[in-house]
C-alpha atoms as a PDB file:
ATOM      1  CA  MET A   1       0.000   0.000   0.000  1.00  0.00           C
ATOM      2  CA  SER A   2       1.535   3.309  -1.060  1.00  0.00           C
ATOM      3  CA  VAL A   3       1.158   6.661   0.665  1.00  0.00           C
ATOM      4  CA  PRO A   4      -0.067   9.455  -1.640  1.00  0.00           C
ATOM      5  CA  HIS A   5       2.508  12.175  -2.188  1.00  0.00           C
ATOM      6  CA  PRO A   6       1.828  15.764  -3.196  1.00  0.00           C
ATOM      7  CA  ALA A   7       2.660  16.791  -6.756  1.00  0.00           C
ATOM      8  CA  PRO A   8       6.277  17.822  -7.366  1.00  0.00           C
ATOM      9  CA  GLY A   9       6.917  21.385  -6.255  1.00  0.00           C
ATOM     10  CA  ARG A  10       3.872  21.438  -3.990  1.00  0.00           C
ATOM     11  CA  THR A  11       3.631  20.824  -0.316  1.00  0.00           C
ATOM     12  CA  ALA A  12       0.622  19.453   1.434  1.00  0.00           C
ATOM     13  CA  ALA A  13      -1.386  22.213   3.116  1.00  0.00           C
ATOM     14  CA  PRO A  14      -1.559  21.779   6.879  1.00  0.00           C
ATOM     15  CA  ARG A  15      -5.001  20.970   8.141  1.00  0.00           C
ATOM     16  CA  SER A  16      -6.455  23.418  10.625  1.00  0.00           C
ATOM     17  CA  ALA A  17      -9.195  22.852  13.101  1.00  0.00           C
ATOM     18  CA  PRO A  18     -12.643  24.136  12.091  1.00  0.00           C
ATOM     19  CA  GLY A  19     -13.077  27.735  13.184  1.00  0.00           C
ATOM     20  CA  SER A  20      -9.392  28.301  13.926  1.00  0.00           C
ATOM     21  CA  ASN A  21      -9.191  31.052  11.283  1.00  0.00           C
ATOM     22  CA  ARG A  22     -11.986  32.893  13.054  1.00  0.00           C
ATOM     23  CA  LEU A  23     -10.194  32.429  16.346  1.00  0.00           C
ATOM     24  CA  ILE A  24      -6.984  33.866  14.915  1.00  0.00           C
ATOM     25  CA  ALA A  25      -8.856  36.803  13.351  1.00  0.00           C
ATOM     26  CA  SER A  26     -10.677  37.482  16.631  1.00  0.00           C
ATOM     27  CA  TRP A  27      -7.435  37.365  18.571  1.00  0.00           C
ATOM     28  CA  ALA A  28      -5.790  39.749  16.103  1.00  0.00           C
ATOM     29  CA  MET A  29      -8.695  42.210  16.334  1.00  0.00           C
ATOM     30  CA  VAL A  30      -8.753  42.120  20.135  1.00  0.00           C
ATOM     31  CA  SER A  31      -4.993  42.585  20.413  1.00  0.00           C
ATOM     32  CA  THR A  32      -5.050  45.437  17.870  1.00  0.00           C
ATOM     33  CA  GLY A  33      -7.896  47.056  19.789  1.00  0.00           C
ATOM     34  CA  ALA A  34      -5.936  46.756  23.028  1.00  0.00           C
ATOM     35  CA  VAL A  35      -2.885  48.440  21.469  1.00  0.00           C
ATOM     36  CA  VAL A  36      -5.053  51.261  20.085  1.00  0.00           C
ATOM     37  CA  LEU A  37      -6.728  51.696  23.479  1.00  0.00           C
ATOM     38  CA  VAL A  38      -3.350  51.962  25.222  1.00  0.00           C
ATOM     39  CA  ALA A  39      -2.255  54.558  22.637  1.00  0.00           C
ATOM     40  CA  ILE A  40      -5.434  56.590  23.258  1.00  0.00           C
ATOM     41  CA  ILE A  41      -4.917  56.431  27.031  1.00  0.00           C
ATOM     42  CA  VAL A  42      -1.297  57.605  26.688  1.00  0.00           C
ATOM     43  CA  PHE A  43      -2.441  60.393  24.344  1.00  0.00           C
ATOM     44  CA  ALA A  44      -5.107  61.520  26.819  1.00  0.00           C
ATOM     45  CA  LEU A  45      -2.684  61.491  29.749  1.00  0.00           C
ATOM     46  CA  GLN A  46      -0.081  63.529  27.866  1.00  0.00           C
ATOM     47  CA  ASN A  47      -2.537  66.186  26.631  1.00  0.00           C
ATOM     48  CA  THR A  48      -4.416  67.313  29.723  1.00  0.00           C
ATOM     49  CA  GLY A  49      -3.929  71.048  29.198  1.00  0.00           C
ATOM     50  CA  GLY A  50      -7.135  73.029  28.763  1.00  0.00           C
ATOM     51  CA  VAL A  51      -8.203  74.584  25.497  1.00  0.00           C
ATOM     52  CA  GLY A  52     -11.053  77.042  25.022  1.00  0.00           C
ATOM     53  CA  PHE A  53     -13.778  76.422  22.481  1.00  0.00           C
ATOM     54  CA  SER A  54     -16.816  78.185  21.058  1.00  0.00           C
ATOM     55  CA  PHE A  55     -19.477  76.381  19.054  1.00  0.00           C
ATOM     56  CA  LEU A  56     -22.806  78.050  18.316  1.00  0.00           C
ATOM     57  CA  TRP A  57     -24.140  78.985  21.759  1.00  0.00           C
ATOM     58  CA  MET A  58     -21.671  76.796  23.710  1.00  0.00           C
ATOM     59  CA  HIS A  59     -18.479  78.209  25.196  1.00  0.00           C
ATOM     60  CA  GLY A  60     -16.119  76.491  27.560  1.00  0.00           C
ATOM     61  CA  THR A  61     -12.841  74.749  28.221  1.00  0.00           C
ATOM     62  CA  LEU A  62     -11.935  71.122  27.581  1.00  0.00           C
ATOM     63  CA  PRO A  63      -8.736  69.134  27.936  1.00  0.00           C
ATOM     64  CA  LEU A  64      -6.953  69.153  24.576  1.00  0.00           C
ATOM     65  CA  SER A  65      -7.089  65.371  24.279  1.00  0.00           C
ATOM     66  CA  MET A  66     -10.859  65.329  24.803  1.00  0.00           C
ATOM     67  CA  ALA A  67     -11.407  68.070  22.230  1.00  0.00           C
ATOM     68  CA  LEU A  68      -9.339  66.193  19.633  1.00  0.00           C
ATOM     69  CA  LEU A  69     -11.029  62.862  20.382  1.00  0.00           C
ATOM     70  CA  VAL A  70     -14.492  64.428  20.086  1.00  0.00           C
ATOM     71  CA  ALA A  71     -13.507  66.069  16.786  1.00  0.00           C
ATOM     72  CA  GLY A  72     -12.097  62.777  15.476  1.00  0.00           C
ATOM     73  CA  PHE A  73     -15.200  60.872  16.528  1.00  0.00           C
ATOM     74  CA  GLY A  74     -17.426  63.475  14.873  1.00  0.00           C
ATOM     75  CA  GLY A  75     -15.417  63.173  11.652  1.00  0.00           C
ATOM     76  CA  ALA A  76     -15.698  59.379  11.743  1.00  0.00           C
ATOM     77  CA  VAL A  77     -19.474  59.554  12.244  1.00  0.00           C
ATOM     78  CA  LEU A  78     -19.784  62.011   9.367  1.00  0.00           C
ATOM     79  CA  ALA A  79     -17.707  59.755   7.078  1.00  0.00           C
ATOM     80  CA  LEU A  80     -19.831  56.769   8.107  1.00  0.00           C
ATOM     81  CA  LEU A  81     -23.038  58.619   7.250  1.00  0.00           C
ATOM     82  CA  VAL A  82     -21.741  59.756   3.861  1.00  0.00           C
ATOM     83  CA  GLY A  83     -20.453  56.256   3.067  1.00  0.00           C
ATOM     84  CA  THR A  84     -23.719  54.630   4.124  1.00  0.00           C
ATOM     85  CA  THR A  85     -25.788  56.902   1.898  1.00  0.00           C
ATOM     86  CA  ARG A  86     -23.412  56.275  -1.026  1.00  0.00           C
ATOM     87  CA  VAL A  87     -23.672  52.498  -0.608  1.00  0.00           C
ATOM     88  CA  ALA A  88     -27.465  52.756  -0.402  1.00  0.00           C
ATOM     89  CA  ASP A  89     -27.519  54.816  -3.618  1.00  0.00           C
ATOM     90  CA  LEU A  90     -25.327  52.297  -5.424  1.00  0.00           C
ATOM     91  CA  ARG A  91     -27.481  49.373  -4.263  1.00  0.00           C
ATOM     92  CA  ARG A  92     -30.627  51.149  -5.437  1.00  0.00           C
ATOM     93  CA  LEU A  93     -28.970  51.863  -8.784  1.00  0.00           C
ATOM     94  CA  THR A  94     -27.887  48.239  -9.316  1.00  0.00           C
ATOM     95  CA  ARG A  95     -31.339  46.914  -8.353  1.00  0.00           C
ATOM     96  CA  GLY A  96     -32.917  49.247 -10.921  1.00  0.00           C
ATOM     97  CA  ARG A  97     -30.664  47.888 -13.681  1.00  0.00           C
ATOM     98  CA  ARG A  98     -31.487  44.242 -12.871  1.00  0.00           C
ATOM     99  CA  GLY A  99     -35.258  44.580 -12.875  1.00  0.00           C
END
């Protein structure tokens, strides 16, 4: 009885347990998130100086790190809204062409 060999120049792919790719991807996302969180904490601790702001009827002082994080979050939400409406428009356009 002979043992099957892979074709010349090819190696047999290692078998992985079912779901192990998801486990690796989850671990990578969690570890990346932890590194980003540590970077945000260090950023916030290093930028505690106050900065004045005026927006419409609101006036006050915030720590610099908080002001930058709020501005970044607002920009991300705005980009998400614009992207979502663009995707919805494209889906509506492709559905119209099919039917």
